[in-house]
Amino acid sequence: MSIFLKCEEANIICDKNQYKEASFWDSVKLNIHLIYCKFCRQYSARNNRLTKLFKKSTIKTMPSDYKTAMKERLRQEMTK
């Protein structure tokens, strides 16, 4: 087991880490990788900013019964 990651692996672990799904060992490997990889540090920073923006947002989604009704109307219109 190597502590060195490829950038693709680091990005996957970064995404998992964002949602608290990465193991402790994966987090350690990611942090080591971020020390020497400028591009993955930038990726990680953008991920963190995006997560913070989503948490602060007040986006409201359409209720599921409205979605179901809209889908049914679309189906009916498409079969005409």
N, C-alpha and C. Protein backbone atom coordinates (compact mmCIF):
# COMPACT_ATOMS: atom_id res chain seq x y z
N MET A 1 0.85 -1.17 0.00
CA MET A 1 0.00 0.00 0.00
C MET A 1 0.90 1.24 0.00
N SER A 2 0.72 2.07 -0.97
CA SER A 2 1.55 3.25 -1.13
C SER A 2 0.84 4.48 -0.58
N ILE A 3 1.64 5.40 -0.03
CA ILE A 3 1.05 6.65 0.45
C ILE A 3 0.96 7.68 -0.66
N PHE A 4 1.54 7.37 -1.82
CA PHE A 4 1.52 8.30 -2.93
C PHE A 4 0.32 8.01 -3.82
N LEU A 5 -0.38 9.06 -4.18
CA LEU A 5 -1.58 8.94 -5.00
C LEU A 5 -1.38 9.58 -6.35
N LYS A 6 -2.09 9.06 -7.33
CA LYS A 6 -2.21 9.76 -8.61
C LYS A 6 -3.26 10.84 -8.42
N CYS A 7 -3.22 11.84 -9.25
CA CYS A 7 -4.17 12.96 -9.12
C CYS A 7 -5.62 12.48 -9.23
N GLU A 8 -5.89 11.52 -10.10
CA GLU A 8 -7.26 11.02 -10.25
C GLU A 8 -7.75 10.41 -8.94
N GLU A 9 -6.88 9.62 -8.29
CA GLU A 9 -7.25 9.01 -7.01
C GLU A 9 -7.45 10.09 -5.95
N ALA A 10 -6.57 11.09 -5.95
CA ALA A 10 -6.68 12.17 -4.97
C ALA A 10 -7.99 12.92 -5.13
N ASN A 11 -8.41 13.14 -6.36
CA ASN A 11 -9.68 13.84 -6.59
C ASN A 11 -10.87 13.03 -6.10
N ILE A 12 -10.82 11.74 -6.29
CA ILE A 12 -11.91 10.87 -5.81
C ILE A 12 -11.97 10.91 -4.29
N ILE A 13 -10.80 10.81 -3.64
CA ILE A 13 -10.76 10.87 -2.18
C ILE A 13 -11.19 12.24 -1.69
N CYS A 14 -10.82 13.27 -2.42
CA CYS A 14 -11.24 14.64 -2.07
C CYS A 14 -12.76 14.73 -2.07
N ASP A 15 -13.39 14.17 -3.08
CA ASP A 15 -14.86 14.18 -3.16
C ASP A 15 -15.47 13.41 -1.99
N LYS A 16 -14.90 12.24 -1.67
CA LYS A 16 -15.39 11.45 -0.54
C LYS A 16 -15.19 12.20 0.76
N ASN A 17 -14.04 12.82 0.90
CA ASN A 17 -13.71 13.55 2.12
C ASN A 17 -14.68 14.71 2.35
N GLN A 18 -15.11 15.31 1.27
CA GLN A 18 -16.05 16.42 1.33
C GLN A 18 -17.35 16.01 2.00
N TYR A 19 -17.76 14.76 1.80
CA TYR A 19 -19.01 14.24 2.37
C TYR A 19 -18.78 13.32 3.55
N LYS A 20 -17.57 13.39 4.12
CA LYS A 20 -17.20 12.60 5.31
C LYS A 20 -17.29 11.10 5.04
N GLU A 21 -16.97 10.68 3.82
CA GLU A 21 -17.03 9.27 3.45
C GLU A 21 -15.64 8.66 3.29
N ALA A 22 -14.59 9.45 3.39
CA ALA A 22 -13.23 8.95 3.22
C ALA A 22 -12.73 8.37 4.54
N SER A 23 -11.97 7.29 4.43
CA SER A 23 -11.39 6.70 5.63
C SER A 23 -10.28 7.60 6.17
N PHE A 24 -9.87 7.32 7.40
CA PHE A 24 -8.80 8.10 8.00
C PHE A 24 -7.53 8.00 7.15
N TRP A 25 -7.19 6.78 6.73
CA TRP A 25 -5.97 6.57 5.95
C TRP A 25 -6.05 7.30 4.60
N ASP A 26 -7.19 7.28 3.97
CA ASP A 26 -7.37 8.01 2.70
C ASP A 26 -7.18 9.52 2.92
N SER A 27 -7.70 10.02 4.03
CA SER A 27 -7.53 11.45 4.33
C SER A 27 -6.06 11.81 4.53
N VAL A 28 -5.33 10.92 5.19
CA VAL A 28 -3.90 11.15 5.40
C VAL A 28 -3.17 11.19 4.06
N LYS A 29 -3.46 10.19 3.21
CA LYS A 29 -2.82 10.15 1.89
C LYS A 29 -3.17 11.38 1.06
N LEU A 30 -4.42 11.81 1.15
CA LEU A 30 -4.85 13.00 0.41
C LEU A 30 -4.07 14.23 0.89
N ASN A 31 -3.96 14.40 2.19
CA ASN A 31 -3.24 15.56 2.72
C ASN A 31 -1.78 15.56 2.31
N ILE A 32 -1.16 14.39 2.27
CA ILE A 32 0.23 14.30 1.80
C ILE A 32 0.29 14.71 0.33
N HIS A 33 -0.64 14.22 -0.46
CA HIS A 33 -0.68 14.55 -1.88
C HIS A 33 -0.87 16.06 -2.08
N LEU A 34 -1.74 16.66 -1.27
CA LEU A 34 -2.03 18.09 -1.42
C LEU A 34 -0.82 18.96 -1.08
N ILE A 35 0.10 18.44 -0.30
CA ILE A 35 1.31 19.19 0.04
C ILE A 35 2.12 19.48 -1.22
N TYR A 36 2.22 18.51 -2.11
CA TYR A 36 3.10 18.69 -3.27
C TYR A 36 2.37 18.87 -4.60
N CYS A 37 1.05 18.82 -4.63
CA CYS A 37 0.33 18.94 -5.90
C CYS A 37 -0.54 20.20 -5.92
N LYS A 38 -0.09 21.18 -6.65
CA LYS A 38 -0.79 22.46 -6.75
C LYS A 38 -2.17 22.30 -7.37
N PHE A 39 -2.28 21.46 -8.38
CA PHE A 39 -3.54 21.30 -9.10
C PHE A 39 -4.61 20.66 -8.21
N CYS A 40 -4.23 19.68 -7.44
CA CYS A 40 -5.20 19.04 -6.54
C CYS A 40 -5.56 19.94 -5.37
N ARG A 41 -4.64 20.78 -4.92
CA ARG A 41 -4.96 21.77 -3.90
C ARG A 41 -6.03 22.72 -4.42
N GLN A 42 -5.89 23.14 -5.68
CA GLN A 42 -6.89 24.02 -6.28
C GLN A 42 -8.23 23.31 -6.41
N TYR A 43 -8.21 22.05 -6.83
CA TYR A 43 -9.43 21.25 -6.95
C TYR A 43 -10.12 21.14 -5.59
N SER A 44 -9.33 20.86 -4.57
CA SER A 44 -9.86 20.73 -3.22
C SER A 44 -10.46 22.05 -2.73
N ALA A 45 -9.78 23.15 -2.99
CA ALA A 45 -10.28 24.47 -2.58
C ALA A 45 -11.60 24.79 -3.28
N ARG A 46 -11.69 24.48 -4.58
CA ARG A 46 -12.94 24.73 -5.32
C ARG A 46 -14.07 23.86 -4.76
N ASN A 47 -13.75 22.61 -4.44
CA ASN A 47 -14.75 21.71 -3.85
C ASN A 47 -15.27 22.28 -2.53
N ASN A 48 -14.36 22.74 -1.70
CA ASN A 48 -14.76 23.30 -0.40
C ASN A 48 -15.62 24.54 -0.57
N ARG A 49 -15.26 25.42 -1.50
CA ARG A 49 -16.06 26.61 -1.74
C ARG A 49 -17.46 26.24 -2.23
N LEU A 50 -17.52 25.28 -3.14
CA LEU A 50 -18.81 24.85 -3.68
C LEU A 50 -19.69 24.26 -2.58
N THR A 51 -19.12 23.44 -1.72
CA THR A 51 -19.87 22.86 -0.62
C THR A 51 -20.41 23.94 0.31
N LYS A 52 -19.59 24.93 0.64
CA LYS A 52 -20.03 26.02 1.51
C LYS A 52 -21.15 26.81 0.86
N LEU A 53 -21.05 27.05 -0.44
CA LEU A 53 -22.11 27.78 -1.14
C LEU A 53 -23.43 27.03 -1.11
N PHE A 54 -23.37 25.72 -1.31
CA PHE A 54 -24.60 24.92 -1.29
C PHE A 54 -25.21 24.90 0.11
N LYS A 55 -24.37 24.83 1.13
CA LYS A 55 -24.90 24.82 2.49
C LYS A 55 -25.55 26.14 2.85
N LYS A 56 -25.02 27.25 2.34
CA LYS A 56 -25.58 28.57 2.63
C LYS A 56 -26.80 28.89 1.78
N SER A 57 -26.99 28.19 0.69
CA SER A 57 -28.06 28.54 -0.24
C SER A 57 -29.43 28.26 0.36
N THR A 58 -30.40 28.93 -0.18
CA THR A 58 -31.79 28.73 0.25
C THR A 58 -32.61 28.18 -0.91
N ILE A 59 -32.00 27.31 -1.67
CA ILE A 59 -32.67 26.71 -2.83
C ILE A 59 -33.78 25.78 -2.33
N LYS A 60 -34.93 25.93 -2.93
CA LYS A 60 -36.05 25.05 -2.60
C LYS A 60 -36.42 24.28 -3.85
N THR A 61 -36.62 23.01 -3.68
CA THR A 61 -36.98 22.17 -4.83
C THR A 61 -38.49 22.01 -4.91
N MET A 62 -38.91 21.57 -6.08
CA MET A 62 -40.32 21.34 -6.32
C MET A 62 -40.77 20.08 -5.57
N PRO A 63 -41.90 20.12 -4.91
CA PRO A 63 -42.40 18.92 -4.22
C PRO A 63 -42.59 17.76 -5.20
N SER A 64 -42.38 16.56 -4.71
CA SER A 64 -42.43 15.39 -5.59
C SER A 64 -43.79 15.18 -6.24
N ASP A 65 -44.88 15.53 -5.56
CA ASP A 65 -46.20 15.36 -6.18
C ASP A 65 -46.38 16.31 -7.37
N TYR A 66 -45.78 17.50 -7.30
CA TYR A 66 -45.82 18.41 -8.44
C TYR A 66 -45.01 17.85 -9.61
N LYS A 67 -43.86 17.26 -9.29
CA LYS A 67 -43.02 16.66 -10.33
C LYS A 67 -43.76 15.53 -11.03
N THR A 68 -44.42 14.71 -10.24
CA THR A 68 -45.17 13.58 -10.80
C THR A 68 -46.28 14.07 -11.71
N ALA A 69 -47.00 15.09 -11.27
CA ALA A 69 -48.10 15.65 -12.08
C ALA A 69 -47.55 16.25 -13.37
N MET A 70 -46.41 16.93 -13.29
CA MET A 70 -45.81 17.54 -14.48
C MET A 70 -45.37 16.47 -15.48
N LYS A 71 -44.78 15.39 -14.98
CA LYS A 71 -44.36 14.29 -15.85
C LYS A 71 -45.57 13.68 -16.56
N GLU A 72 -46.64 13.52 -15.82
CA GLU A 72 -47.84 12.93 -16.42
C GLU A 72 -48.41 13.84 -17.50
N ARG A 73 -48.45 15.13 -17.26
CA ARG A 73 -48.94 16.07 -18.28
C ARG A 73 -48.04 16.05 -19.52
N LEU A 74 -46.73 15.96 -19.31
CA LEU A 74 -45.82 15.89 -20.44
C LEU A 74 -46.06 14.62 -21.26
N ARG A 75 -46.25 13.50 -20.56
CA ARG A 75 -46.53 12.24 -21.27
C ARG A 75 -47.81 12.36 -22.10
N GLN A 76 -48.82 12.94 -21.51
CA GLN A 76 -50.09 13.10 -22.22
C GLN A 76 -49.91 13.99 -23.45
N GLU A 77 -49.19 15.07 -23.33
CA GLU A 77 -48.96 15.97 -24.46
C GLU A 77 -48.12 15.30 -25.55
N MET A 78 -47.19 14.45 -25.15
CA MET A 78 -46.33 13.79 -26.13
C MET A 78 -47.07 12.71 -26.92
N THR A 79 -48.12 12.14 -26.33
CA THR A 79 -48.88 11.09 -27.02
C THR A 79 -49.97 11.64 -27.93
N LYS A 80 -50.17 12.95 -27.92
CA LYS A 80 -51.20 13.53 -28.80
C LYS A 80 -50.74 13.54 -30.23
